[in-house]
Each structure stands twice: as structure tokens, then as C-alpha cells.
Amino acid sequence: MISKDVQIIINVFSHKKMSTYMGKSRVDLINIEIDKILNGNMEFGTDAVKLVSVMPYIPNNQFFGKQLIYNVPNFNQRRGKQNEHKI
């Protein structure tokens, strides 16, 4: 088995003119969906991932967002769904 600790860094940002969706922060809503997709999804070769950092992300003066850093303690390249035929 090949496994190693890795980090996933995701930058989520939105144009300032489109910062809300149905009265809620668009960036926060996307962050929640990303967490649902990543956490415990065996299709990516991961067990549970741990969100270790959320920092502001401002690529320029028109956009704002957050940088998410996840720690993946047991990344296994052979466990992912797309690699099932290679095992």
C-alpha cells in the first residue's frame, strides 16, 4: 500500500458584486460544499480530511475569498475509484 500525508489547498473567491446568494455569503456556501465533497470521500483516495486553516484570500481589489488548507493524513493513490482496475 502506498500512503502519505499530503495537504490540499483550495482558494475560493467571488467577485465583490456577487458576494451573496440568497442572503448568505457565496464563498462560505461554496466552502461548505467543498467540505462535504472532500470529507471521507473514498473516490479521491482519502479518508476523513481535516480543515487546518482558513485564511483570507484576496487575488485583487475586485475579488475576495478564503484559502482552505486541508490535511489528508492517509492519502492512498491506489484507493481512488478511478484506479480500481490497476490494483
Protein backbone atom coordinates (compact mmCIF):
# COMPACT_ATOMS: atom_id res chain seq x y z
CA MET A 1 0.00 0.00 0.00
CA ILE A 2 1.26 3.45 -0.92
CA SER A 3 0.15 6.13 1.53
CA LYS A 4 1.46 9.50 2.57
CA ASP A 5 0.41 12.66 4.35
CA VAL A 6 -0.49 15.47 1.97
CA GLN A 7 -2.18 18.85 2.05
CA ILE A 8 -4.93 20.14 -0.19
CA ILE A 9 -5.00 23.90 -0.68
CA ILE A 10 -8.13 25.40 -2.22
CA ASN A 11 -8.70 29.08 -2.98
CA VAL A 12 -12.38 30.01 -3.10
CA PHE A 13 -13.23 33.51 -4.24
CA SER A 14 -16.06 35.59 -5.62
CA HIS A 15 -16.45 38.92 -7.33
CA LYS A 16 -17.43 41.59 -4.82
CA LYS A 17 -20.58 42.40 -6.82
CA MET A 18 -21.73 38.76 -6.48
CA SER A 19 -20.74 38.17 -2.86
CA THR A 20 -24.09 36.88 -1.60
CA TYR A 21 -26.55 34.21 -2.62
CA MET A 22 -29.98 34.17 -1.00
CA GLY A 23 -28.70 36.45 1.76
CA LYS A 24 -25.68 34.29 2.62
CA SER A 25 -22.00 34.57 1.77
CA ARG A 26 -21.39 32.85 -1.57
CA VAL A 27 -17.82 31.97 -0.53
CA ASP A 28 -19.00 30.36 2.73
CA LEU A 29 -21.65 28.33 0.89
CA ILE A 30 -19.04 27.02 -1.55
CA ASN A 31 -16.68 26.20 1.33
CA ILE A 32 -19.39 24.10 2.97
CA GLU A 33 -19.96 22.17 -0.26
CA ILE A 34 -16.22 21.58 -0.73
CA ASP A 35 -16.01 20.16 2.79
CA LYS A 36 -18.93 17.80 2.09
CA ILE A 37 -17.23 16.56 -1.08
CA LEU A 38 -13.76 16.05 0.40
CA ASN A 39 -14.53 14.70 3.84
CA GLY A 40 -14.44 10.92 3.81
CA ASN A 41 -14.92 10.54 0.07
CA MET A 42 -13.16 7.32 -0.89
CA GLU A 43 -13.31 8.23 -4.61
CA PHE A 44 -10.39 10.62 -4.05
CA GLY A 45 -8.23 8.12 -2.18
CA THR A 46 -8.78 9.82 1.17
CA ASP A 47 -10.33 9.00 4.50
CA ALA A 48 -11.50 11.94 6.58
CA VAL A 49 -9.67 15.15 5.83
CA LYS A 50 -9.07 17.81 8.46
CA LEU A 51 -9.51 21.51 7.82
CA VAL A 52 -6.41 23.03 9.44
CA SER A 53 -6.52 26.61 8.19
CA VAL A 54 -8.91 29.19 6.77
CA MET A 55 -7.24 32.43 5.72
CA PRO A 56 -8.45 35.45 3.74
CA TYR A 57 -7.72 35.22 0.03
CA ILE A 58 -7.79 38.46 -1.98
CA PRO A 59 -6.45 37.97 -5.52
CA ASN A 60 -7.13 41.62 -6.46
CA ASN A 61 -9.35 44.55 -5.49
CA GLN A 62 -12.39 43.17 -7.36
CA PHE A 63 -12.47 39.74 -5.69
CA PHE A 64 -12.33 38.34 -2.19
CA GLY A 65 -12.43 34.89 -0.69
CA LYS A 66 -10.82 32.34 1.58
CA GLN A 67 -7.96 29.89 1.31
CA LEU A 68 -8.77 26.47 2.76
CA ILE A 69 -5.97 24.15 3.78
CA TYR A 70 -6.87 20.53 4.48
CA ASN A 71 -4.56 17.92 5.95
CA VAL A 72 -5.01 14.47 4.39
CA PRO A 73 -3.36 12.00 6.81
CA ASN A 74 -3.85 8.80 4.80
CA PHE A 75 -3.75 9.63 1.11
CA ASN A 76 -3.71 6.39 -0.83
CA GLN A 77 -3.26 6.67 -4.59
CA ARG A 78 -4.46 3.12 -5.15
CA ARG A 79 -7.69 3.56 -3.18
CA GLY A 80 -9.30 6.07 -5.56
CA LYS A 81 -12.25 4.92 -7.66
CA GLN A 82 -10.57 5.73 -10.98
CA ASN A 83 -7.67 3.41 -10.07
CA GLU A 84 -9.72 0.33 -9.12
CA HIS A 85 -8.70 -1.57 -12.26
CA LYS A 86 -4.99 -1.04 -11.53
CA ILE A 87 -4.92 -2.79 -8.13
